[in-house]
Amino acid sequence: MHLLEDGDNFGELALLRDVPRGATIRTLVPCIFLTLQRHYFTRLLDHSPEVRAAILAQEAERTMAAGRGCSTAFLSGADPVPG
């Protein structure tokens, strides 16, 4: 299990490998998600070596974590919406 914070991303492995997303995401607070289509994602990686390196490093880390049985991510960091 990973705890993601504001600004973190998920689902990039599916975009890199052209496979369905395999992680389960649960939020601890209400969240707004932004999406990026595959062709924009690959364009970003093609034009930004720094982003490509960071995403590939993150992929390696998450692949190792998945081997240890970590496949659920929780999102936190935002203030809860009053309700």
N, C-alpha and C. Protein backbone atom coordinates (compact mmCIF):
# COMPACT_ATOMS: atom_id res chain seq x y z
N MET A 1 0.84 -1.17 0.00
CA MET A 1 0.00 0.00 0.00
C MET A 1 0.89 1.24 0.00
N HIS A 2 0.50 2.22 -0.79
CA HIS A 2 1.20 3.50 -0.85
C HIS A 2 0.22 4.59 -0.45
N LEU A 3 0.73 5.61 0.20
CA LEU A 3 -0.06 6.79 0.50
C LEU A 3 0.39 7.89 -0.45
N LEU A 4 -0.50 8.29 -1.34
CA LEU A 4 -0.18 9.34 -2.31
C LEU A 4 -0.59 10.68 -1.74
N GLU A 5 0.13 11.71 -2.11
CA GLU A 5 -0.14 13.06 -1.65
C GLU A 5 -0.57 13.94 -2.81
N ASP A 6 -0.96 15.17 -2.51
CA ASP A 6 -1.31 16.12 -3.56
C ASP A 6 -0.21 16.18 -4.60
N GLY A 7 -0.58 16.13 -5.87
CA GLY A 7 0.39 16.23 -6.95
C GLY A 7 0.97 14.90 -7.40
N ASP A 8 0.75 13.82 -6.66
CA ASP A 8 1.25 12.51 -7.08
C ASP A 8 0.39 12.00 -8.24
N ASN A 9 0.90 11.01 -8.91
CA ASN A 9 0.18 10.46 -10.05
C ASN A 9 0.06 8.95 -9.91
N PHE A 10 -0.87 8.40 -10.68
CA PHE A 10 -1.03 6.95 -10.76
C PHE A 10 -1.59 6.62 -12.13
N GLY A 11 -1.43 5.38 -12.54
CA GLY A 11 -1.92 4.94 -13.84
C GLY A 11 -0.92 5.08 -14.97
N GLU A 12 0.26 5.64 -14.67
CA GLU A 12 1.26 5.84 -15.72
C GLU A 12 1.80 4.52 -16.26
N LEU A 13 1.83 3.49 -15.43
CA LEU A 13 2.32 2.18 -15.90
C LEU A 13 1.44 1.65 -17.02
N ALA A 14 0.14 1.84 -16.89
CA ALA A 14 -0.79 1.39 -17.94
C ALA A 14 -0.53 2.16 -19.23
N LEU A 15 -0.23 3.45 -19.12
CA LEU A 15 0.06 4.24 -20.31
C LEU A 15 1.39 3.82 -20.93
N LEU A 16 2.39 3.55 -20.10
CA LEU A 16 3.71 3.14 -20.62
C LEU A 16 3.66 1.78 -21.29
N ARG A 17 2.91 0.87 -20.71
CA ARG A 17 2.90 -0.52 -21.18
C ARG A 17 1.72 -0.85 -22.09
N ASP A 18 0.79 0.09 -22.24
CA ASP A 18 -0.41 -0.13 -23.05
C ASP A 18 -1.20 -1.33 -22.54
N VAL A 19 -1.44 -1.34 -21.23
CA VAL A 19 -2.21 -2.38 -20.57
C VAL A 19 -3.26 -1.72 -19.68
N PRO A 20 -4.29 -2.47 -19.27
CA PRO A 20 -5.27 -1.88 -18.34
C PRO A 20 -4.60 -1.52 -17.01
N ARG A 21 -5.10 -0.46 -16.39
CA ARG A 21 -4.57 -0.04 -15.09
C ARG A 21 -4.85 -1.13 -14.08
N GLY A 22 -3.85 -1.47 -13.26
CA GLY A 22 -4.00 -2.58 -12.33
C GLY A 22 -4.11 -2.19 -10.88
N ALA A 23 -3.91 -0.93 -10.54
CA ALA A 23 -3.95 -0.51 -9.15
C ALA A 23 -5.37 -0.22 -8.70
N THR A 24 -5.60 -0.37 -7.42
CA THR A 24 -6.85 0.04 -6.80
C THR A 24 -6.57 1.32 -6.05
N ILE A 25 -7.39 2.34 -6.29
CA ILE A 25 -7.21 3.63 -5.64
C ILE A 25 -8.38 3.87 -4.72
N ARG A 26 -8.08 4.23 -3.49
CA ARG A 26 -9.11 4.61 -2.52
C ARG A 26 -8.72 5.97 -1.95
N THR A 27 -9.69 6.84 -1.81
CA THR A 27 -9.40 8.16 -1.28
C THR A 27 -9.79 8.25 0.19
N LEU A 28 -9.01 9.01 0.92
CA LEU A 28 -9.32 9.26 2.32
C LEU A 28 -10.16 10.52 2.48
N VAL A 29 -10.09 11.38 1.47
CA VAL A 29 -10.86 12.62 1.44
C VAL A 29 -11.38 12.81 0.01
N PRO A 30 -12.38 13.64 -0.18
CA PRO A 30 -12.84 13.91 -1.55
C PRO A 30 -11.68 14.47 -2.40
N CYS A 31 -11.59 14.02 -3.64
CA CYS A 31 -10.48 14.41 -4.52
C CYS A 31 -11.00 14.78 -5.90
N ILE A 32 -10.22 15.56 -6.60
CA ILE A 32 -10.47 15.85 -8.01
C ILE A 32 -9.33 15.21 -8.80
N PHE A 33 -9.67 14.42 -9.81
CA PHE A 33 -8.67 13.73 -10.61
C PHE A 33 -8.59 14.36 -11.99
N LEU A 34 -7.39 14.50 -12.48
CA LEU A 34 -7.16 14.97 -13.84
C LEU A 34 -6.65 13.81 -14.66
N THR A 35 -7.07 13.72 -15.91
CA THR A 35 -6.65 12.62 -16.77
C THR A 35 -5.78 13.14 -17.90
N LEU A 36 -4.97 12.25 -18.44
CA LEU A 36 -4.09 12.58 -19.55
C LEU A 36 -4.17 11.44 -20.55
N GLN A 37 -4.59 11.74 -21.76
CA GLN A 37 -4.69 10.71 -22.79
C GLN A 37 -3.30 10.21 -23.18
N ARG A 38 -3.24 8.94 -23.62
CA ARG A 38 -1.96 8.30 -23.93
C ARG A 38 -1.11 9.12 -24.90
N HIS A 39 -1.71 9.64 -25.97
CA HIS A 39 -0.88 10.34 -26.95
C HIS A 39 -0.28 11.62 -26.37
N TYR A 40 -0.98 12.29 -25.46
CA TYR A 40 -0.40 13.47 -24.80
C TYR A 40 0.70 13.06 -23.83
N PHE A 41 0.48 11.94 -23.16
CA PHE A 41 1.47 11.41 -22.21
C PHE A 41 2.77 11.06 -22.93
N THR A 42 2.67 10.34 -24.04
CA THR A 42 3.88 9.96 -24.77
C THR A 42 4.56 11.19 -25.38
N ARG A 43 3.77 12.15 -25.80
CA ARG A 43 4.35 13.40 -26.31
C ARG A 43 5.13 14.12 -25.21
N LEU A 44 4.56 14.16 -24.02
CA LEU A 44 5.25 14.77 -22.89
C LEU A 44 6.58 14.07 -22.63
N LEU A 45 6.57 12.74 -22.62
CA LEU A 45 7.80 11.99 -22.38
C LEU A 45 8.82 12.21 -23.49
N ASP A 46 8.35 12.32 -24.72
CA ASP A 46 9.26 12.55 -25.85
C ASP A 46 9.93 13.91 -25.79
N HIS A 47 9.22 14.90 -25.25
CA HIS A 47 9.73 16.27 -25.24
C HIS A 47 10.38 16.68 -23.92
N SER A 48 10.32 15.82 -22.91
CA SER A 48 10.89 16.18 -21.62
C SER A 48 11.67 15.01 -21.03
N PRO A 49 12.99 14.97 -21.29
CA PRO A 49 13.79 13.87 -20.75
C PRO A 49 13.75 13.78 -19.23
N GLU A 50 13.59 14.93 -18.55
CA GLU A 50 13.54 14.92 -17.09
C GLU A 50 12.27 14.22 -16.58
N VAL A 51 11.15 14.50 -17.24
CA VAL A 51 9.89 13.86 -16.85
C VAL A 51 9.97 12.37 -17.17
N ARG A 52 10.51 12.02 -18.35
CA ARG A 52 10.67 10.61 -18.72
C ARG A 52 11.49 9.86 -17.67
N ALA A 53 12.61 10.43 -17.26
CA ALA A 53 13.47 9.79 -16.26
C ALA A 53 12.74 9.61 -14.94
N ALA A 54 12.00 10.63 -14.52
CA ALA A 54 11.26 10.54 -13.26
C ALA A 54 10.17 9.48 -13.31
N ILE A 55 9.44 9.42 -14.42
CA ILE A 55 8.37 8.43 -14.58
C ILE A 55 8.95 7.02 -14.61
N LEU A 56 10.05 6.82 -15.34
CA LEU A 56 10.66 5.50 -15.42
C LEU A 56 11.22 5.07 -14.06
N ALA A 57 11.77 6.00 -13.30
CA ALA A 57 12.26 5.68 -11.95
C ALA A 57 11.08 5.30 -11.05
N GLN A 58 9.99 6.04 -11.19
CA GLN A 58 8.79 5.73 -10.42
C GLN A 58 8.24 4.36 -10.81
N GLU A 59 8.27 4.05 -12.11
CA GLU A 59 7.80 2.75 -12.58
C GLU A 59 8.62 1.63 -11.94
N ALA A 60 9.94 1.80 -11.91
CA ALA A 60 10.80 0.77 -11.32
C ALA A 60 10.48 0.58 -9.85
N GLU A 61 10.30 1.68 -9.13
CA GLU A 61 9.97 1.60 -7.70
C GLU A 61 8.63 0.91 -7.47
N ARG A 62 7.63 1.27 -8.27
CA ARG A 62 6.30 0.68 -8.09
C ARG A 62 6.28 -0.78 -8.52
N THR A 63 7.08 -1.14 -9.52
CA THR A 63 7.16 -2.54 -9.94
C THR A 63 7.75 -3.39 -8.81
N MET A 64 8.77 -2.86 -8.16
CA MET A 64 9.36 -3.59 -7.02
C MET A 64 8.35 -3.69 -5.88
N ALA A 65 7.61 -2.61 -5.62
CA ALA A 65 6.60 -2.62 -4.55
C ALA A 65 5.50 -3.63 -4.86
N ALA A 66 5.12 -3.72 -6.13
CA ALA A 66 4.08 -4.68 -6.53
C ALA A 66 4.56 -6.10 -6.28
N GLY A 67 5.84 -6.34 -6.46
CA GLY A 67 6.41 -7.65 -6.18
C GLY A 67 6.35 -7.99 -4.70
N ARG A 68 6.26 -6.95 -3.87
CA ARG A 68 6.13 -7.15 -2.42
C ARG A 68 4.68 -7.18 -1.98
N GLY A 69 3.75 -7.16 -2.95
CA GLY A 69 2.33 -7.26 -2.62
C GLY A 69 1.64 -5.93 -2.41
N CYS A 70 2.23 -4.82 -2.82
CA CYS A 70 1.62 -3.50 -2.65
C CYS A 70 0.89 -3.13 -3.93
N SER A 71 -0.43 -3.12 -3.91
CA SER A 71 -1.15 -2.75 -5.13
C SER A 71 -2.29 -1.79 -4.86
N THR A 72 -2.42 -1.32 -3.64
CA THR A 72 -3.47 -0.37 -3.31
C THR A 72 -2.83 0.95 -2.93
N ALA A 73 -3.40 2.04 -3.44
CA ALA A 73 -2.91 3.37 -3.09
C ALA A 73 -4.03 4.14 -2.43
N PHE A 74 -3.67 4.90 -1.42
CA PHE A 74 -4.61 5.79 -0.76
C PHE A 74 -4.18 7.20 -1.04
N LEU A 75 -5.14 8.06 -1.34
CA LEU A 75 -4.85 9.46 -1.62
C LEU A 75 -5.24 10.29 -0.41
N SER A 76 -4.34 11.16 0.00
CA SER A 76 -4.63 12.05 1.12
C SER A 76 -4.00 13.39 0.83
N GLY A 77 -3.92 14.23 1.84
CA GLY A 77 -3.23 15.49 1.71
C GLY A 77 -4.15 16.66 1.50
N ALA A 78 -5.32 16.45 0.96
CA ALA A 78 -6.26 17.54 0.77
C ALA A 78 -7.09 17.69 2.06
N ASP A 79 -7.54 18.88 2.30
CA ASP A 79 -8.42 19.08 3.45
C ASP A 79 -9.77 18.46 3.13
N PRO A 80 -10.38 17.79 4.10
CA PRO A 80 -11.71 17.22 3.85
C PRO A 80 -12.71 18.32 3.51
N VAL A 81 -13.64 17.97 2.65
CA VAL A 81 -14.70 18.91 2.31
C VAL A 81 -15.70 18.92 3.45
N PRO A 82 -16.02 20.11 3.99
CA PRO A 82 -16.99 20.15 5.09
C PRO A 82 -18.31 19.55 4.63
N GLY A 83 -18.93 18.82 5.49
CA GLY A 83 -20.16 18.24 5.02
C GLY A 83 -21.10 18.04 6.11
